[in-house]
C-alpha atoms as a PDB file:
ATOM      1  CA  MET A   1      28.228 -30.810 -28.288  1.00  0.00           C
ATOM      2  CA  LYS A   2      25.059 -30.224 -30.451  1.00  0.00           C
ATOM      3  CA  LYS A   3      23.090 -29.266 -27.566  1.00  0.00           C
ATOM      4  CA  LEU A   4      25.818 -27.061 -26.027  1.00  0.00           C
ATOM      5  CA  VAL A   5      25.854 -24.735 -29.408  1.00  0.00           C
ATOM      6  CA  ALA A   6      22.799 -24.663 -29.693  1.00  0.00           C
ATOM      7  CA  ALA A   7      22.253 -23.187 -25.771  1.00  0.00           C
ATOM      8  CA  LEU A   8      25.372 -20.816 -26.551  1.00  0.00           C
ATOM      9  CA  CYS A   9      24.283 -19.487 -30.550  1.00  0.00           C
ATOM     10  CA  ALA A  10      20.161 -18.969 -28.876  1.00  0.00           C
ATOM     11  CA  ALA A  11      22.344 -16.971 -25.801  1.00  0.00           C
ATOM     12  CA  LEU A  12      24.306 -15.090 -28.385  1.00  0.00           C
ATOM     13  CA  MET A  13      20.931 -13.935 -30.450  1.00  0.00           C
ATOM     14  CA  VAL A  14      19.197 -12.531 -27.443  1.00  0.00           C
ATOM     15  CA  ALA A  15      22.026 -10.953 -26.210  1.00  0.00           C
ATOM     16  CA  ILE A  16      22.732  -9.044 -29.447  1.00  0.00           C
ATOM     17  CA  PHE A  17      19.076  -8.243 -29.104  1.00  0.00           C
ATOM     18  CA  ALA A  18      19.506  -7.140 -25.596  1.00  0.00           C
ATOM     19  CA  GLY A  19      22.552  -5.448 -26.284  1.00  0.00           C
ATOM     20  CA  GLY A  20      21.352  -3.110 -29.035  1.00  0.00           C
ATOM     21  CA  ALA A  21      18.525  -2.207 -26.664  1.00  0.00           C
ATOM     22  CA  HIS A  22      20.949  -1.392 -23.518  1.00  0.00           C
ATOM     23  CA  ALA A  23      23.105   0.488 -26.012  1.00  0.00           C
ATOM     24  CA  GLN A  24      20.038   2.894 -26.936  1.00  0.00           C
ATOM     25  CA  GLN A  25      19.198   3.350 -23.511  1.00  0.00           C
ATOM     26  CA  THR A  26      22.052   4.098 -22.066  1.00  0.00           C
ATOM     27  CA  PRO A  27      22.753   7.991 -22.853  1.00  0.00           C
ATOM     28  CA  ALA A  28      19.596   8.853 -21.460  1.00  0.00           C
ATOM     29  CA  ALA A  29      20.269   6.806 -18.150  1.00  0.00           C
ATOM     30  CA  ASP A  30      23.434   8.861 -18.000  1.00  0.00           C
ATOM     31  CA  GLN A  31      21.723  12.439 -18.083  1.00  0.00           C
ATOM     32  CA  GLY A  32      20.131  11.288 -14.984  1.00  0.00           C
ATOM     33  CA  GLN A  33      23.233  10.992 -13.278  1.00  0.00           C
ATOM     34  CA  PRO A  34      25.324  14.436 -13.936  1.00  0.00           C
ATOM     35  CA  HIS A  35      28.190  13.490 -11.322  1.00  0.00           C
ATOM     36  CA  SER A  36      28.672  10.087 -13.285  1.00  0.00           C
ATOM     37  CA  MET A  37      31.574  10.140 -15.849  1.00  0.00           C
ATOM     38  CA  PRO A  38      30.951  10.438 -19.317  1.00  0.00           C
ATOM     39  CA  LYS A  39      31.510   6.481 -20.701  1.00  0.00           C
ATOM     40  CA  MET A  40      33.830   6.555 -23.462  1.00  0.00           C
ATOM     41  CA  LEU A  41      32.819   6.255 -26.999  1.00  0.00           C
ATOM     42  CA  ASP A  42      35.605   3.575 -27.525  1.00  0.00           C
ATOM     43  CA  GLN A  43      33.553   1.656 -24.817  1.00  0.00           C
ATOM     44  CA  ALA A  44      30.167   1.515 -25.717  1.00  0.00           C
ATOM     45  CA  ILE A  45      28.017  -1.631 -26.300  1.00  0.00           C
ATOM     46  CA  PHE A  46      26.692  -2.324 -29.483  1.00  0.00           C
ATOM     47  CA  ALA A  47      24.992  -4.808 -31.571  1.00  0.00           C
ATOM     48  CA  HIS A  48      24.659  -5.634 -35.277  1.00  0.00           C
ATOM     49  CA  LEU A  49      22.893  -8.330 -37.375  1.00  0.00           C
ATOM     50  CA  LEU A  50      23.479  -8.617 -40.765  1.00  0.00           C
ATOM     51  CA  PHE A  51      21.646 -11.308 -42.821  1.00  0.00           C
ATOM     52  CA  ASP A  52      24.137 -10.675 -46.168  1.00  0.00           C
ATOM     53  CA  GLN A  53      22.711 -13.918 -48.314  1.00  0.00           C
ATOM     54  CA  LEU A  54      19.228 -14.969 -47.822  1.00  0.00           C
ATOM     55  CA  GLU A  55      18.846 -15.736 -51.760  1.00  0.00           C
ATOM     56  CA  GLY A  56      16.835 -18.605 -53.548  1.00  0.00           C
ATOM     57  CA  ARG A  57      19.198 -20.168 -56.431  1.00  0.00           C
ATOM     58  CA  PHE A  58      17.214 -21.150 -59.071  1.00  0.00           C
ATOM     59  CA  GLY A  59      18.506 -24.319 -61.844  1.00  0.00           C
ATOM     60  CA  PHE A  60      17.749 -26.175 -64.859  1.00  0.00           C
ATOM     61  CA  ALA A  61      18.312 -29.937 -64.264  1.00  0.00           C
ATOM     62  CA  GLU A  62      20.129 -29.638 -60.540  1.00  0.00           C
ATOM     63  CA  GLY A  63      17.036 -27.766 -58.739  1.00  0.00           C
ATOM     64  CA  ASN A  64      16.501 -24.869 -56.827  1.00  0.00           C
ATOM     65  CA  THR A  65      18.645 -24.357 -53.462  1.00  0.00           C
ATOM     66  CA  PHE A  66      17.913 -21.824 -51.366  1.00  0.00           C
ATOM     67  CA  ARG A  67      21.480 -19.978 -49.395  1.00  0.00           C
ATOM     68  CA  TRP A  68      21.763 -18.199 -45.894  1.00  0.00           C
ATOM     69  CA  SER A  69      25.154 -16.471 -44.490  1.00  0.00           C
ATOM     70  CA  ALA A  70      24.056 -14.306 -41.805  1.00  0.00           C
ATOM     71  CA  GLN A  71      26.343 -12.611 -38.801  1.00  0.00           C
ATOM     72  CA  GLY A  72      25.657 -11.055 -35.631  1.00  0.00           C
ATOM     73  CA  TRP A  73      27.935  -9.563 -32.980  1.00  0.00           C
ATOM     74  CA  LEU A  74      27.902  -8.130 -29.427  1.00  0.00           C
ATOM     75  CA  GLY A  75      30.809  -5.904 -28.540  1.00  0.00           C
ATOM     76  CA  THR A  76      32.969  -2.622 -28.116  1.00  0.00           C
ATOM     77  CA  ASP A  77      34.868  -1.253 -30.575  1.00  0.00           C
ATOM     78  CA  GLU A  78      37.845  -3.122 -29.866  1.00  0.00           C
ATOM     79  CA  ASN A  79      36.428  -6.549 -28.522  1.00  0.00           C
ATOM     80  CA  ARG A  80      33.391  -7.968 -29.727  1.00  0.00           C
ATOM     81  CA  VAL A  81      32.108 -11.897 -29.465  1.00  0.00           C
ATOM     82  CA  TRP A  82      30.989 -12.796 -33.106  1.00  0.00           C
ATOM     83  CA  LEU A  83      27.908 -15.334 -34.158  1.00  0.00           C
ATOM     84  CA  LEU A  84      28.444 -17.052 -37.691  1.00  0.00           C
ATOM     85  CA  SER A  85      25.843 -19.125 -39.255  1.00  0.00           C
ATOM     86  CA  GLU A  86      26.006 -20.230 -43.219  1.00  0.00           C
ATOM     87  CA  GLY A  87      23.852 -22.860 -44.557  1.00  0.00           C
ATOM     88  CA  ARG A  88      22.375 -24.516 -48.413  1.00  0.00           C
ATOM     89  CA  PHE A  89      19.044 -26.721 -48.313  1.00  0.00           C
ATOM     90  CA  THR A  90      18.482 -28.409 -51.607  1.00  0.00           C
ATOM     91  CA  ASN A  91      16.016 -31.267 -52.441  1.00  0.00           C
ATOM     92  CA  ASN A  92      14.678 -31.230 -48.595  1.00  0.00           C
ATOM     93  CA  GLU A  93      18.712 -31.642 -47.724  1.00  0.00           C
ATOM     94  CA  LEU A  94      20.310 -29.317 -45.847  1.00  0.00           C
ATOM     95  CA  ASP A  95      24.526 -29.029 -46.783  1.00  0.00           C
ATOM     96  CA  ASP A  96      26.901 -26.349 -45.909  1.00  0.00           C
ATOM     97  CA  GLY A  97      25.531 -26.131 -42.041  1.00  0.00           C
ATOM     98  CA  ILE A  98      28.820 -24.074 -40.842  1.00  0.00           C
ATOM     99  CA  GLN A  99      27.830 -22.084 -37.289  1.00  0.00           C
ATOM    100  CA  GLN A 100      31.044 -20.167 -35.953  1.00  0.00           C
ATOM    101  CA  LEU A 101      31.080 -19.112 -32.450  1.00  0.00           C
ATOM    102  CA  LEU A 102      34.026 -16.185 -32.245  1.00  0.00           C
ATOM    103  CA  TYR A 103      35.676 -13.804 -29.965  1.00  0.00           C
ATOM    104  CA  GLY A 104      37.177 -11.022 -32.772  1.00  0.00           C
ATOM    105  CA  ARG A 105      39.922  -8.864 -30.723  1.00  0.00           C
ATOM    106  CA  ALA A 106      40.748  -5.372 -33.461  1.00  0.00           C
ATOM    107  CA  ILE A 107      44.603  -5.539 -34.030  1.00  0.00           C
ATOM    108  CA  THR A 108      44.719  -2.577 -36.611  1.00  0.00           C
ATOM    109  CA  THR A 109      42.475   0.266 -37.444  1.00  0.00           C
ATOM    110  CA  TYR A 110      40.761  -2.250 -40.249  1.00  0.00           C
ATOM    111  CA  PHE A 111      41.224  -5.622 -38.972  1.00  0.00           C
ATOM    112  CA  ASP A 112      40.605  -8.138 -36.247  1.00  0.00           C
ATOM    113  CA  ALA A 113      41.915 -11.224 -34.878  1.00  0.00           C
ATOM    114  CA  LEU A 114      39.515 -13.776 -34.121  1.00  0.00           C
ATOM    115  CA  VAL A 115      39.720 -17.121 -32.067  1.00  0.00           C
ATOM    116  CA  GLY A 116      36.346 -19.796 -31.499  1.00  0.00           C
ATOM    117  CA  ILE A 117      34.883 -22.969 -32.616  1.00  0.00           C
ATOM    118  CA  ARG A 118      33.015 -24.104 -35.682  1.00  0.00           C
ATOM    119  CA  TYR A 119      30.405 -26.748 -35.500  1.00  0.00           C
ATOM    120  CA  ASP A 120      29.409 -28.222 -38.608  1.00  0.00           C
ATOM    121  CA  LEU A 121      25.643 -29.492 -38.391  1.00  0.00           C
ATOM    122  CA  ASP A 122      23.358 -30.434 -41.124  1.00  0.00           C
ATOM    123  CA  SER A 123      22.065 -33.605 -42.677  1.00  0.00           C
ATOM    124  CA  ALA A 124      25.848 -34.984 -42.699  1.00  0.00           C
ATOM    125  CA  PRO A 125      27.352 -36.304 -39.774  1.00  0.00           C
ATOM    126  CA  SER A 126      28.380 -33.313 -37.202  1.00  0.00           C
ATOM    127  CA  ARG A 127      31.681 -32.024 -37.484  1.00  0.00           C
ATOM    128  CA  GLY A 128      33.372 -29.418 -34.344  1.00  0.00           C
ATOM    129  CA  TRP A 129      36.714 -27.593 -34.626  1.00  0.00           C
ATOM    130  CA  GLY A 130      38.813 -25.359 -33.391  1.00  0.00           C
ATOM    131  CA  ALA A 131      39.389 -21.819 -34.954  1.00  0.00           C
ATOM    132  CA  ILE A 132      41.878 -18.883 -35.832  1.00  0.00           C
ATOM    133  CA  GLY A 133      41.817 -16.302 -38.178  1.00  0.00           C
ATOM    134  CA  ILE A 134      41.534 -12.282 -39.457  1.00  0.00           C
ATOM    135  CA  GLN A 135      38.952 -10.765 -41.131  1.00  0.00           C
ATOM    136  CA  GLY A 136      38.476  -7.053 -42.066  1.00  0.00           C
ATOM    137  CA  LEU A 137      39.477  -4.487 -45.460  1.00  0.00           C
ATOM    138  CA  ALA A 138      41.760  -4.836 -47.012  1.00  0.00           C
ATOM    139  CA  PRO A 139      43.504  -1.289 -49.164  1.00  0.00           C
ATOM    140  CA  GLN A 140      40.612  -0.675 -52.182  1.00  0.00           C
ATOM    141  CA  PHE A 141      38.079  -1.818 -49.184  1.00  0.00           C
ATOM    142  CA  PHE A 142      37.995  -5.406 -50.286  1.00  0.00           C
ATOM    143  CA  LYS A 143      36.629  -7.243 -47.230  1.00  0.00           C
ATOM    144  CA  VAL A 144      38.604 -10.044 -46.582  1.00  0.00           C
ATOM    145  CA  SER A 145      38.572 -12.827 -43.908  1.00  0.00           C
ATOM    146  CA  ALA A 146      40.890 -16.019 -43.740  1.00  0.00           C
ATOM    147  CA  ILE A 147      39.762 -18.578 -41.469  1.00  0.00           C
ATOM    148  CA  GLY A 148      41.737 -21.894 -40.605  1.00  0.00           C
ATOM    149  CA  TYR A 149      40.069 -24.615 -38.651  1.00  0.00           C
ATOM    150  CA  VAL A 150      41.905 -28.066 -36.595  1.00  0.00           C
ATOM    151  CA  SER A 151      39.200 -30.859 -35.701  1.00  0.00           C
ATOM    152  CA  GLY A 152      39.709 -33.009 -32.515  1.00  0.00           C
ATOM    153  CA  GLU A 153      40.657 -35.661 -34.816  1.00  0.00           C
ATOM    154  CA  GLY A 154      43.956 -33.752 -36.164  1.00  0.00           C
ATOM    155  CA  HIS A 155      42.187 -32.903 -39.875  1.00  0.00           C
ATOM    156  CA  LEU A 156      43.017 -29.105 -40.716  1.00  0.00           C
ATOM    157  CA  ALA A 157      41.227 -26.842 -42.825  1.00  0.00           C
ATOM    158  CA  ALA A 158      40.572 -23.206 -44.275  1.00  0.00           C
ATOM    159  CA  ARG A 159      39.131 -21.083 -45.633  1.00  0.00           C
ATOM    160  CA  LEU A 160      39.090 -17.511 -47.543  1.00  0.00           C
ATOM    161  CA  GLU A 161      36.587 -15.235 -48.623  1.00  0.00           C
ATOM    162  CA  ALA A 162      36.269 -11.891 -50.414  1.00  0.00           C
ATOM    163  CA  SER A 163      34.129  -9.741 -51.151  1.00  0.00           C
ATOM    164  CA  TYR A 164      34.052  -6.209 -52.996  1.00  0.00           C
ATOM    165  CA  ASP A 165      30.883  -3.323 -52.806  1.00  0.00           C
ATOM    166  CA  LEU A 166      30.720  -1.834 -56.472  1.00  0.00           C
ATOM    167  CA  LEU A 167      28.982   1.598 -55.880  1.00  0.00           C
ATOM    168  CA  ILE A 168      27.044   2.393 -59.838  1.00  0.00           C
ATOM    169  CA  THR A 169      25.089   5.226 -57.847  1.00  0.00           C
ATOM    170  CA  GLN A 170      23.761   5.546 -54.222  1.00  0.00           C
ATOM    171  CA  ARG A 171      21.505   2.888 -54.153  1.00  0.00           C
ATOM    172  CA  LEU A 172      22.545   0.403 -56.572  1.00  0.00           C
ATOM    173  CA  ILE A 173      25.815  -1.745 -56.345  1.00  0.00           C
ATOM    174  CA  LEU A 174      27.427  -4.363 -57.669  1.00  0.00           C
ATOM    175  CA  GLN A 175      29.221  -6.621 -55.000  1.00  0.00           C
ATOM    176  CA  PRO A 176      31.459 -10.006 -56.976  1.00  0.00           C
ATOM    177  CA  GLN A 177      32.053 -12.568 -53.971  1.00  0.00           C
ATOM    178  CA  LEU A 178      34.336 -15.050 -53.668  1.00  0.00           C
ATOM    179  CA  GLU A 179      34.762 -18.102 -50.693  1.00  0.00           C
ATOM    180  CA  MET A 180      37.029 -20.976 -51.088  1.00  0.00           C
ATOM    181  CA  ASN A 181      37.013 -23.740 -48.854  1.00  0.00           C
ATOM    182  CA  PHE A 182      40.119 -26.277 -47.725  1.00  0.00           C
ATOM    183  CA  TYR A 183      40.794 -29.882 -46.043  1.00  0.00           C
ATOM    184  CA  THR A 184      44.220 -31.329 -45.051  1.00  0.00           C
ATOM    185  CA  LYS A 185      42.310 -35.008 -44.881  1.00  0.00           C
ATOM    186  CA  ASP A 186      38.813 -36.538 -46.419  1.00  0.00           C
ATOM    187  CA  ASP A 187      35.503 -37.070 -44.733  1.00  0.00           C
ATOM    188  CA  PRO A 188      33.835 -39.238 -47.019  1.00  0.00           C
ATOM    189  CA  ALA A 189      30.691 -39.066 -44.385  1.00  0.00           C
ATOM    190  CA  ARG A 190      30.501 -35.265 -45.521  1.00  0.00           C
ATOM    191  CA  LEU A 191      31.254 -35.668 -48.863  1.00  0.00           C
ATOM    192  CA  VAL A 192      34.374 -33.836 -48.750  1.00  0.00           C
ATOM    193  CA  GLY A 193      38.074 -34.861 -50.113  1.00  0.00           C
ATOM    194  CA  ALA A 194      41.619 -33.092 -49.687  1.00  0.00           C
ATOM    195  CA  GLY A 195      42.900 -29.751 -51.123  1.00  0.00           C
ATOM    196  CA  LEU A 196      40.547 -27.463 -52.718  1.00  0.00           C
ATOM    197  CA  SER A 197      36.872 -28.729 -51.512  1.00  0.00           C
ATOM    198  CA  GLU A 198      34.305 -25.991 -52.700  1.00  0.00           C
ATOM    199  CA  LEU A 199      34.269 -22.596 -54.917  1.00  0.00           C
ATOM    200  CA  ASP A 200      31.246 -20.931 -54.311  1.00  0.00           C
ATOM    201  CA  ALA A 201      30.943 -17.542 -55.917  1.00  0.00           C
ATOM    202  CA  GLY A 202      28.673 -14.906 -57.354  1.00  0.00           C
ATOM    203  CA  LEU A 203      27.905 -11.712 -58.831  1.00  0.00           C
ATOM    204  CA  ARG A 204      25.223  -9.787 -57.155  1.00  0.00           C
ATOM    205  CA  LEU A 205      23.513  -6.518 -58.477  1.00  0.00           C
ATOM    206  CA  ARG A 206      21.097  -4.752 -55.536  1.00  0.00           C
ATOM    207  CA  TYR A 207      19.188  -1.975 -54.757  1.00  0.00           C
ATOM    208  CA  GLU A 208      18.984  -0.526 -51.489  1.00  0.00           C
ATOM    209  CA  ILE A 209      15.403   0.976 -51.021  1.00  0.00           C
ATOM    210  CA  THR A 210      16.841   1.646 -47.472  1.00  0.00           C
ATOM    211  CA  ARG A 211      20.813   1.051 -46.119  1.00  0.00           C
ATOM    212  CA  GLU A 212      18.786  -1.732 -43.590  1.00  0.00           C
ATOM    213  CA  PHE A 213      16.909  -3.805 -46.684  1.00  0.00           C
ATOM    214  CA  ALA A 214      18.054  -4.386 -50.108  1.00  0.00           C
ATOM    215  CA  PRO A 215      16.785  -7.228 -52.500  1.00  0.00           C
ATOM    216  CA  TYR A 216      19.595  -8.546 -55.376  1.00  0.00           C
ATOM    217  CA  VAL A 217      19.364 -10.401 -58.528  1.00  0.00           C
ATOM    218  CA  GLY A 218      22.576 -12.331 -59.354  1.00  0.00           C
ATOM    219  CA  ILE A 219      24.536 -15.008 -61.319  1.00  0.00           C
ATOM    220  CA  THR A 220      26.076 -18.087 -58.542  1.00  0.00           C
ATOM    221  CA  TYR A 221      28.354 -20.506 -59.252  1.00  0.00           C
ATOM    222  CA  LEU A 222      28.949 -23.494 -57.097  1.00  0.00           C
ATOM    223  CA  GLY A 223      32.474 -25.769 -57.765  1.00  0.00           C
ATOM    224  CA  GLN A 224      33.251 -29.353 -56.151  1.00  0.00           C
ATOM    225  CA  TYR A 225      36.619 -30.049 -57.253  1.00  0.00           C
ATOM    226  CA  GLY A 226      39.273 -33.062 -56.358  1.00  0.00           C
ATOM    227  CA  ALA A 227      38.198 -35.930 -54.306  1.00  0.00           C
ATOM    228  CA  THR A 228      35.322 -33.847 -53.302  1.00  0.00           C
ATOM    229  CA  ALA A 229      33.928 -33.872 -56.472  1.00  0.00           C
ATOM    230  CA  ASP A 230      34.329 -38.109 -56.801  1.00  0.00           C
ATOM    231  CA  TYR A 231      31.580 -37.895 -53.240  1.00  0.00           C
ATOM    232  CA  VAL A 232      29.367 -35.438 -54.875  1.00  0.00           C
ATOM    233  CA  SER A 233      29.363 -37.471 -57.843  1.00  0.00           C
ATOM    234  CA  ALA A 234      28.778 -40.921 -55.874  1.00  0.00           C
ATOM    235  CA  ALA A 235      26.350 -39.656 -54.287  1.00  0.00           C
ATOM    236  CA  GLY A 236      24.073 -38.116 -57.393  1.00  0.00           C
ATOM    237  CA  GLY A 237      25.262 -34.418 -57.215  1.00  0.00           C
ATOM    238  CA  SER A 238      25.756 -32.206 -59.744  1.00  0.00           C
ATOM    239  CA  THR A 239      29.488 -30.795 -59.128  1.00  0.00           C
ATOM    240  CA  GLN A 240      29.194 -27.531 -61.531  1.00  0.00           C
ATOM    241  CA  GLN A 241      26.134 -25.292 -60.866  1.00  0.00           C
ATOM    242  CA  ILE A 242      25.804 -21.969 -62.494  1.00  0.00           C
ATOM    243  CA  ARG A 243      22.253 -20.381 -61.293  1.00  0.00           C
ATOM    244  CA  PHE A 244      20.895 -17.401 -61.634  1.00  0.00           C
ATOM    245  CA  THR A 245      19.708 -16.400 -57.905  1.00  0.00           C
ATOM    246  CA  VAL A 246      17.442 -13.675 -56.473  1.00  0.00           C
ATOM    247  CA  GLY A 247      17.680 -12.732 -52.525  1.00  0.00           C
ATOM    248  CA  LEU A 248      17.437 -10.586 -49.555  1.00  0.00           C
ATOM    249  CA  ARG A 249      20.180  -7.800 -47.848  1.00  0.00           C
ATOM    250  CA  ALA A 250      19.040  -6.866 -44.066  1.00  0.00           C
ATOM    251  CA  TRP A 251      20.978  -5.766 -41.212  1.00  0.00           C
ATOM    252  CA  PHE A 252      19.588  -3.861 -37.935  1.00  0.00           C
END
């Protein structure tokens, strides 16, 4: 299963870059065929790759953490294939390593329905999930995502995410962000308990040198709750972490 997911992720990333090059070359190719029908704009294939979080989180007693959150998509305005990846690296241990391969279909002007697979791949035992959810822009341009998961063992999980870009100037942007994870059953091997398992929140101030390249500073909070907090404490970890954060946001 790990090899299959790794192969799918690698293939999608290659397709994203290849698709981006194809999308740029298509208009020139069409000019050489004056009798061909022009391609409808909403059927053109585009590609996008965003590193939303590439950051170091610096604490005191808890040590330091490297965190990444990235997404890439390939497709049209209506149909897209998404690759989502995130994780944390702390004290030579990788956790929260969640990789998702999803198909997205536009259901309104601002929202997509999602369906696909999720694979937890990090230092803990791996887990595979089916995924279904929704993402898009809520009123006032809040970016939101709600995805539910079901595992082969009958475990259910859910993830809720929200963020908002507050423009202080045209280049200086303050972004509050929130992520919550829920599970229906304990999974001690992955230090996960039932109920609200984890809350990851941040307040980041970024400066867009260009739209594609924006360093930022901020404050982040990571908290574990319920049985998850018990598992993390028993393993010697900290269940409440407030850290100074420095990072980079970039897209292509």
